[in-house]
Amino acid sequence: RGLEEAIDGPRAADSSDPVHINTDPVNNLDTQGKGSLILKESHSSLNSTVGPTSQEVLSKTGQASAQVKQPSNAKKISAPTPLVAVAPIPPSELFPEENDKNFRIIKLSEVAEALVQDIVNIRILLMTATENELRAVLGYLEPLNDQDEIIKSFIDSTWVYIGKYGGHAVVVGKSASCKAEQGELNASLTIKAITKKFKPSYVIAIGICFGMDQSKVNLGDVIVSKKIVNLSTFRMNKGSIESRNDSDIEPGTKVLTIFSESSNFKMMHSDKENAKEVKVHCGPIVSLPVLVNDEEFKEKLNNVTPQAAQAHLAGEMEAVGIWSAFKTTLMPQFIVIKAVCDWGDGRKEACSGWKPFASHAAARYVHHQMNKISVKMLLE
């Protein structure tokens, strides 16, 4: 009878039941009234089930009697969503609002020819997509030599920012003014607008990405693209994703050599004693025109066919668009350097606070490396 009550719930007491007072309670059992038993919910495992499972129950004499067989229709309790660590906050001076920066707004057609030539001859383009990514880059952007302010100019359909980044003259672009414009299409259109005036030899996509595997990378870690898996078009099979593109995108040999060597880079999440360190990883990333926020879909991305030779570290949305804009022209040295801001697993809102810090980490790493690069190295 005790087993039946544990499974089916307490029954109505009758006069034949002796009164029993529990003097030696078991962790997950209570006694109430005259000998009826109520099983407490067990939280000993994230995968605990509703109802008793192999738990010892008390007989009416207070002794362990038998083990309860798990009901065949027991329901699984969903594991609670893992908590996301509180995101570090970038220093305000290195993550400014655009309105806090001083710009010299110009039309290239209205400035001295010598300055125009200096500007259009700039060979490094830093591409961002979102407001957070742009703010992070502007935090390290300084005026050109002989200029008091960063130059801001409207070219065709987009604003560009012209200054010095780690000792080198650069043009900075931003492809999305809202969420609807994020992705490869606007990235490609923005590149085409910018290259009407500039002919970059080096293009670096800086910003944020989602991480593939929490055992390999952490929030805030920087990812350097060793290869870009082109998923601009793909076939969704049952249980797998198949790329419909002929080949992956390889980064420029020179920029990969420069940015994959990170041994001298040191950055912490904060100045606290036990703060985590920002790690730099070099490996494959996927680029596709959808915002990934689903664990099952993300797992399929990590096994894209044709066979993935190496597990992908991250995913993002703009790289293929930037690359495709140069397909009909001389291809510059191109690389993606982005930091992990979420896991693409359904917790984007919970991770949203990491976007500023991840943007800042990627911008700082690029700035660090560009401080080490000589002009001669870029021209060789």
Protein backbone atom coordinates (compact mmCIF):
# COMPACT_ATOMS: atom_id res chain seq x y z
CA ARG A 1 0.00 0.00 0.00
CA GLY A 2 2.86 2.38 0.78
CA LEU A 3 4.23 1.92 -2.74
CA GLU A 4 0.83 2.60 -4.28
CA GLU A 5 0.48 5.79 -2.28
CA ALA A 6 3.91 7.03 -3.34
CA ILE A 7 2.95 6.64 -6.99
CA ASP A 8 -0.73 7.52 -7.00
CA GLY A 9 -0.78 10.11 -4.24
CA PRO A 10 -2.22 10.02 -0.75
CA ARG A 11 -5.44 8.08 -0.25
CA ALA A 12 -8.16 8.82 2.22
CA ALA A 13 -7.28 7.49 5.65
CA ASP A 14 -9.44 4.80 7.21
CA SER A 15 -9.91 3.60 10.74
CA SER A 16 -7.59 0.62 10.23
CA ASP A 17 -4.53 2.85 9.75
CA PRO A 18 -2.28 3.19 12.78
CA VAL A 19 -1.01 6.65 13.60
CA HIS A 20 2.72 6.96 12.83
CA ILE A 21 4.96 9.87 13.79
CA ASN A 22 8.10 10.13 11.64
CA THR A 23 11.12 10.47 13.89
CA ASP A 24 13.74 9.68 11.25
CA PRO A 25 12.68 11.54 8.06
CA VAL A 26 14.26 10.71 4.71
CA ASN A 27 15.38 13.67 2.54
CA ASN A 28 12.59 13.42 0.01
CA LEU A 29 9.69 12.09 2.14
CA ASP A 30 7.24 13.68 4.57
CA THR A 31 4.58 12.10 6.70
CA GLN A 32 1.23 13.71 7.09
CA GLY A 33 -1.79 12.59 9.03
CA LYS A 34 -2.22 8.88 9.61
CA GLY A 35 0.52 7.09 7.77
CA SER A 36 0.04 8.70 4.32
CA LEU A 37 3.27 9.50 2.46
CA ILE A 38 3.98 12.47 0.22
CA LEU A 39 7.08 12.44 -2.03
CA LYS A 40 8.90 15.76 -2.23
CA GLU A 41 10.20 16.94 -5.63
CA SER A 42 13.87 16.09 -6.01
CA HIS A 43 16.30 18.60 -7.47
CA SER A 44 19.41 16.47 -7.17
CA SER A 45 19.85 16.47 -10.95
CA LEU A 46 19.10 18.85 -13.80
CA ASN A 47 17.49 15.88 -15.55
CA SER A 48 15.28 14.79 -12.64
CA THR A 49 11.88 13.33 -13.47
CA VAL A 50 8.43 13.88 -12.12
CA GLY A 51 7.48 11.12 -9.68
CA PRO A 52 9.69 8.78 -7.64
CA THR A 53 12.68 7.13 -9.26
CA SER A 54 14.54 4.41 -7.36
CA GLN A 55 13.90 6.21 -4.08
CA GLU A 56 13.55 4.25 -0.84
CA VAL A 57 10.19 4.73 0.79
CA LEU A 58 9.27 4.14 4.39
CA SER A 59 7.08 1.34 5.53
CA LYS A 60 4.59 2.00 8.28
CA THR A 61 7.19 0.88 10.77
CA GLY A 62 9.55 3.63 9.60
CA GLN A 63 11.96 1.21 7.86
CA ALA A 64 13.10 1.27 4.21
CA SER A 65 10.88 -1.16 2.35
CA ALA A 66 11.45 -1.28 -1.43
CA GLN A 67 12.43 0.81 -4.40
CA VAL A 68 9.75 2.54 -6.43
CA LYS A 69 9.70 1.70 -10.10
CA GLN A 70 9.79 4.77 -12.30
CA PRO A 71 6.44 5.30 -14.06
CA SER A 72 6.65 4.73 -17.80
CA ASN A 73 4.94 8.04 -18.51
CA ALA A 74 7.24 10.13 -16.32
CA LYS A 75 7.90 13.56 -17.82
CA LYS A 76 11.31 15.15 -18.06
CA ILE A 77 11.84 18.47 -16.33
CA SER A 78 13.67 20.84 -18.66
CA ALA A 79 17.11 21.81 -17.48
CA PRO A 80 17.19 25.42 -16.32
CA THR A 81 18.84 27.85 -18.71
CA PRO A 82 22.47 28.37 -17.67
CA LEU A 83 23.15 31.82 -16.29
CA VAL A 84 25.17 34.26 -18.38
CA ALA A 85 28.05 36.04 -16.67
CA VAL A 86 27.65 39.78 -16.19
CA ALA A 87 29.34 41.56 -19.07
CA PRO A 88 32.32 43.85 -18.44
CA ILE A 89 31.87 47.50 -19.40
CA PRO A 90 34.36 49.08 -21.84
CA PRO A 91 36.10 52.29 -20.69
CA SER A 92 33.88 55.20 -21.73
CA GLU A 93 36.73 57.02 -23.46
CA LEU A 94 37.33 53.97 -25.66
CA PHE A 95 33.65 53.38 -26.38
CA PRO A 96 32.32 56.86 -27.15
CA GLU A 97 28.99 57.89 -28.52
CA GLU A 98 29.48 59.27 -32.01
CA ASN A 99 28.25 62.68 -30.82
CA ASP A 100 31.07 62.77 -28.26
CA LYS A 101 33.75 62.71 -30.97
CA ASN A 102 34.94 65.78 -32.82
CA PHE A 103 34.69 65.46 -36.59
CA ARG A 104 35.58 67.66 -39.49
CA ILE A 105 32.74 67.04 -41.91
CA ILE A 106 33.84 67.58 -45.48
CA LYS A 107 32.89 66.97 -49.09
CA LEU A 108 35.85 65.57 -50.94
CA SER A 109 34.98 67.74 -53.92
CA GLU A 110 35.42 70.90 -51.82
CA VAL A 111 38.80 70.35 -50.16
CA ALA A 112 42.33 70.93 -51.37
CA GLU A 113 43.52 68.52 -54.02
CA ALA A 114 46.53 67.49 -51.94
CA LEU A 115 44.31 66.40 -49.05
CA VAL A 116 41.96 64.60 -51.39
CA GLN A 117 44.86 62.62 -52.81
CA ASP A 118 46.09 61.76 -49.34
CA ILE A 119 42.64 60.52 -48.44
CA VAL A 120 41.80 58.53 -51.55
CA ASN A 121 45.22 56.89 -51.46
CA ILE A 122 44.45 55.30 -48.09
CA ARG A 123 44.79 51.55 -48.50
CA ILE A 124 43.25 50.17 -45.30
CA LEU A 125 39.49 49.83 -44.85
CA LEU A 126 38.00 48.86 -41.48
CA MET A 127 34.41 47.64 -41.89
CA THR A 128 31.87 47.56 -39.09
CA ALA A 129 28.18 46.69 -39.22
CA THR A 130 26.48 47.93 -36.05
CA GLU A 131 26.55 51.00 -33.83
CA ASN A 132 28.43 49.13 -31.09
CA GLU A 133 31.10 48.02 -33.55
CA LEU A 134 31.55 51.55 -34.91
CA ARG A 135 31.79 53.05 -31.41
CA ALA A 136 34.51 50.57 -30.50
CA VAL A 137 36.59 51.49 -33.55
CA LEU A 138 36.04 55.23 -33.08
CA GLY A 139 37.39 54.81 -29.56
CA TYR A 140 40.85 54.16 -31.04
CA LEU A 141 40.61 56.36 -34.16
CA GLU A 142 42.75 59.52 -34.11
CA PRO A 143 43.08 62.45 -36.54
CA LEU A 144 45.41 62.08 -39.50
CA ASN A 145 48.79 63.74 -39.31
CA ASP A 146 48.43 67.53 -39.76
CA GLN A 147 44.71 67.31 -38.93
CA ASP A 148 43.06 68.40 -35.69
CA GLU A 149 39.93 66.29 -36.08
CA ILE A 150 38.81 63.01 -37.55
CA ILE A 151 37.39 63.53 -41.03
CA LYS A 152 33.81 62.47 -41.71
CA SER A 153 32.48 62.42 -45.25
CA PHE A 154 29.38 61.22 -47.07
CA ILE A 155 30.19 59.08 -50.08
CA ASP A 156 27.41 57.98 -52.40
CA SER A 157 25.05 56.50 -49.80
CA THR A 158 27.18 56.05 -46.71
CA TRP A 159 29.24 57.95 -44.13
CA VAL A 160 32.92 57.16 -43.77
CA TYR A 161 35.36 58.16 -41.04
CA ILE A 162 38.96 58.91 -41.93
CA GLY A 163 41.80 58.96 -39.45
CA LYS A 164 44.75 57.09 -38.02
CA TYR A 165 44.39 53.68 -36.40
CA GLY A 166 47.42 52.28 -34.68
CA GLY A 167 49.77 54.47 -36.69
CA HIS A 168 48.18 53.84 -40.09
CA ALA A 169 45.75 55.94 -42.11
CA VAL A 170 42.42 54.15 -42.45
CA VAL A 171 38.90 54.57 -43.74
CA VAL A 172 36.13 53.27 -41.46
CA GLY A 173 32.73 52.22 -42.78
CA LYS A 174 29.47 51.01 -41.21
CA SER A 175 26.99 48.94 -43.20
CA ALA A 176 23.85 48.83 -41.02
CA SER A 177 21.87 51.70 -39.55
CA CYS A 178 19.26 49.33 -38.07
CA LYS A 179 18.77 45.62 -37.40
CA ALA A 180 16.97 45.11 -40.71
CA GLU A 181 20.11 46.21 -42.58
CA GLN A 182 22.48 43.79 -40.87
CA GLY A 183 23.89 41.03 -43.03
CA GLU A 184 25.69 40.43 -46.29
CA LEU A 185 23.48 42.48 -48.66
CA ASN A 186 24.05 45.86 -47.03
CA ALA A 187 27.67 45.00 -46.34
CA SER A 188 28.18 44.42 -50.05
CA LEU A 189 26.34 47.61 -51.05
CA THR A 190 28.34 49.69 -48.56
CA ILE A 191 31.64 48.32 -49.86
CA LYS A 192 30.63 49.13 -53.42
CA ALA A 193 29.79 52.71 -52.40
CA ILE A 194 33.08 53.21 -50.54
CA THR A 195 35.21 51.75 -53.33
CA LYS A 196 33.92 54.35 -55.76
CA LYS A 197 36.43 56.67 -54.07
CA PHE A 198 38.85 54.34 -52.32
CA LYS A 199 40.80 51.35 -53.60
CA PRO A 200 41.75 49.47 -50.44
CA SER A 201 44.50 46.88 -50.46
CA TYR A 202 43.49 45.62 -47.01
CA VAL A 203 39.97 45.10 -45.67
CA ILE A 204 39.39 44.10 -42.04
CA ALA A 205 35.88 43.29 -40.82
CA ILE A 206 35.78 44.21 -37.11
CA GLY A 207 32.95 43.46 -34.71
CA ILE A 208 30.98 40.75 -32.96
CA CYS A 209 30.08 37.13 -33.65
CA PHE A 210 28.45 34.15 -31.96
CA GLY A 211 30.59 31.40 -30.51
CA MET A 212 30.12 27.77 -31.51
CA ASP A 213 31.50 25.84 -28.55
CA GLN A 214 31.64 27.10 -24.95
CA SER A 215 34.35 24.56 -24.15
CA LYS A 216 36.69 26.19 -26.69
CA VAL A 217 35.94 29.92 -26.56
CA ASN A 218 34.56 32.32 -23.97
CA LEU A 219 32.38 35.40 -24.19
CA GLY A 220 34.65 38.31 -25.11
CA ASP A 221 37.28 36.15 -26.82
CA VAL A 222 38.60 37.38 -30.18
CA ILE A 223 38.29 35.16 -33.26
CA VAL A 224 40.65 35.59 -36.23
CA SER A 225 39.31 33.95 -39.39
CA LYS A 226 41.64 31.27 -40.72
CA LYS A 227 38.94 30.37 -43.20
CA ILE A 228 35.43 31.67 -43.92
CA VAL A 229 32.82 29.02 -44.73
CA ASN A 230 30.56 30.60 -47.34
CA LEU A 231 26.92 29.83 -46.54
CA SER A 232 25.37 32.61 -48.59
CA THR A 233 23.28 29.80 -50.08
CA PHE A 234 22.82 26.40 -48.51
CA ARG A 235 20.59 23.36 -48.64
CA MET A 236 18.78 22.37 -45.46
CA ASN A 237 18.75 18.57 -45.34
CA LYS A 238 17.22 16.44 -42.63
CA GLY A 239 19.77 16.61 -39.85
CA SER A 240 22.42 18.54 -41.80
CA ILE A 241 23.27 21.67 -43.77
CA GLU A 242 24.97 21.48 -47.15
CA SER A 243 26.78 24.47 -48.64
CA ARG A 244 25.87 25.21 -52.26
CA ASN A 245 29.00 27.28 -52.88
CA ASP A 246 32.03 25.96 -54.70
CA SER A 247 34.66 26.88 -52.14
CA ASP A 248 35.36 28.62 -48.87
CA ILE A 249 36.88 32.10 -48.58
CA GLU A 250 40.56 32.18 -47.69
CA PRO A 251 41.95 35.27 -45.92
CA GLY A 252 44.87 37.16 -47.38
CA THR A 253 48.17 35.47 -46.58
CA LYS A 254 49.78 38.67 -45.31
CA VAL A 255 46.94 39.76 -43.01
CA LEU A 256 46.55 36.23 -41.66
CA THR A 257 50.25 36.15 -40.79
CA ILE A 258 49.98 39.51 -39.03
CA PHE A 259 46.80 38.93 -37.05
CA SER A 260 47.17 35.25 -36.17
CA GLU A 261 50.26 35.95 -34.04
CA SER A 262 48.76 37.11 -30.75
CA SER A 263 51.39 36.13 -28.18
CA ASN A 264 52.13 39.73 -27.17
CA PHE A 265 48.48 40.74 -26.77
CA LYS A 266 47.23 41.10 -23.21
CA MET A 267 43.71 42.15 -22.27
CA MET A 268 41.60 41.41 -19.20
CA HIS A 269 37.84 41.61 -18.73
CA SER A 270 38.37 44.18 -15.98
CA ASP A 271 40.99 45.45 -13.54
CA LYS A 272 39.75 43.14 -10.78
CA GLU A 273 42.24 40.69 -9.31
CA ASN A 274 40.39 37.58 -10.50
CA ALA A 275 39.31 38.96 -13.88
CA LYS A 276 39.33 36.65 -16.89
CA GLU A 277 41.74 37.17 -19.75
CA VAL A 278 40.59 37.80 -23.31
CA LYS A 279 41.93 34.99 -25.46
CA VAL A 280 42.64 35.17 -29.19
CA HIS A 281 41.75 32.14 -31.34
CA CYS A 282 42.54 31.56 -35.01
CA GLY A 283 40.28 29.16 -36.88
CA PRO A 284 37.36 28.69 -39.30
CA ILE A 285 34.19 30.75 -39.02
CA VAL A 286 30.89 30.49 -40.87
CA SER A 287 29.22 33.41 -42.62
CA LEU A 288 25.54 33.22 -43.48
CA PRO A 289 22.68 35.68 -44.07
CA VAL A 290 20.58 34.70 -41.05
CA LEU A 291 20.68 35.63 -37.39
CA VAL A 292 21.35 32.38 -35.53
CA ASN A 293 19.60 31.92 -32.20
CA ASP A 294 18.80 28.21 -32.10
CA GLU A 295 20.96 25.46 -30.56
CA GLU A 296 19.96 22.68 -32.98
CA PHE A 297 20.52 24.83 -36.07
CA LYS A 298 23.88 25.98 -34.72
CA GLU A 299 24.99 22.38 -34.20
CA LYS A 300 24.21 21.66 -37.85
CA LEU A 301 26.41 24.60 -38.84
CA ASN A 302 29.36 22.96 -37.14
CA ASN A 303 29.02 19.95 -39.44
CA VAL A 304 28.42 21.66 -42.75
CA THR A 305 29.00 19.40 -45.72
CA PRO A 306 31.22 19.06 -47.71
CA GLN A 307 33.12 17.77 -44.70
CA ALA A 308 34.27 20.34 -42.17
CA ALA A 309 37.97 19.65 -41.74
CA GLN A 310 38.10 21.60 -38.50
CA ALA A 311 35.40 22.57 -36.04
CA HIS A 312 34.18 26.11 -36.61
CA LEU A 313 34.86 28.59 -33.84
CA ALA A 314 32.23 31.21 -34.59
CA GLY A 315 29.62 32.56 -36.97
CA GLU A 316 28.67 35.98 -38.36
CA MET A 317 26.63 37.67 -41.10
CA GLU A 318 28.70 40.17 -43.13
CA ALA A 319 31.91 38.52 -44.36
CA VAL A 320 30.47 36.94 -47.51
CA GLY A 321 28.88 40.25 -48.52
CA ILE A 322 32.17 42.14 -48.13
CA TRP A 323 34.04 39.49 -50.09
CA SER A 324 31.44 39.31 -52.88
CA ALA A 325 31.68 43.08 -53.47
CA PHE A 326 35.24 42.58 -54.72
CA LYS A 327 34.59 39.56 -56.96
CA THR A 328 34.65 41.66 -60.12
CA THR A 329 37.65 43.76 -59.09
CA LEU A 330 41.13 43.16 -57.76
CA MET A 331 40.63 41.26 -54.50
CA PRO A 332 42.25 42.97 -51.50
CA GLN A 333 43.78 41.20 -48.52
CA PHE A 334 40.67 40.42 -46.48
CA ILE A 335 40.22 39.05 -42.96
CA VAL A 336 37.49 38.89 -40.29
CA ILE A 337 38.35 39.72 -36.68
CA LYS A 338 35.37 39.56 -34.35
CA ALA A 339 34.78 38.79 -30.68
CA VAL A 340 32.19 36.45 -29.16
CA CYS A 341 29.10 38.20 -27.76
CA ASP A 342 26.68 35.26 -27.49
CA TRP A 343 26.24 31.55 -28.27
CA GLY A 344 23.52 31.61 -30.93
CA ASP A 345 21.61 29.10 -28.81
CA GLY A 346 18.40 30.92 -27.89
CA ARG A 347 19.94 33.21 -25.25
CA LYS A 348 20.72 36.30 -27.34
CA GLU A 349 18.69 38.57 -25.10
CA ALA A 350 20.42 37.25 -21.99
CA CYS A 351 23.81 37.85 -23.65
CA SER A 352 23.01 41.26 -25.15
CA GLY A 353 25.09 43.06 -22.53
CA TRP A 354 28.22 41.50 -24.02
CA LYS A 355 27.94 43.34 -27.35
CA PRO A 356 29.80 46.51 -26.23
CA PHE A 357 32.66 44.62 -24.58
CA ALA A 358 33.04 42.15 -27.46
CA SER A 359 33.11 45.04 -29.95
CA HIS A 360 35.72 46.76 -27.80
CA ALA A 361 37.87 43.60 -27.55
CA ALA A 362 37.96 43.12 -31.33
CA ALA A 363 38.74 46.80 -31.97
CA ARG A 364 41.50 46.79 -29.36
CA TYR A 365 43.13 43.68 -30.82
CA VAL A 366 43.21 45.15 -34.33
CA HIS A 367 44.62 48.42 -32.95
CA HIS A 368 47.29 46.48 -31.02
CA GLN A 369 48.43 44.64 -34.14
CA MET A 370 48.36 47.71 -36.37
CA ASN A 371 50.66 49.47 -33.92
CA LYS A 372 53.21 46.76 -34.64
CA ILE A 373 52.93 46.84 -38.43
CA SER A 374 55.37 48.98 -40.36
CA VAL A 375 54.33 50.78 -43.54
CA LYS A 376 57.08 48.88 -45.30
CA MET A 377 55.52 45.57 -44.25
CA LEU A 378 52.20 46.58 -45.78
CA LEU A 379 53.78 47.72 -49.03
CA GLU A 380 55.91 44.62 -49.55
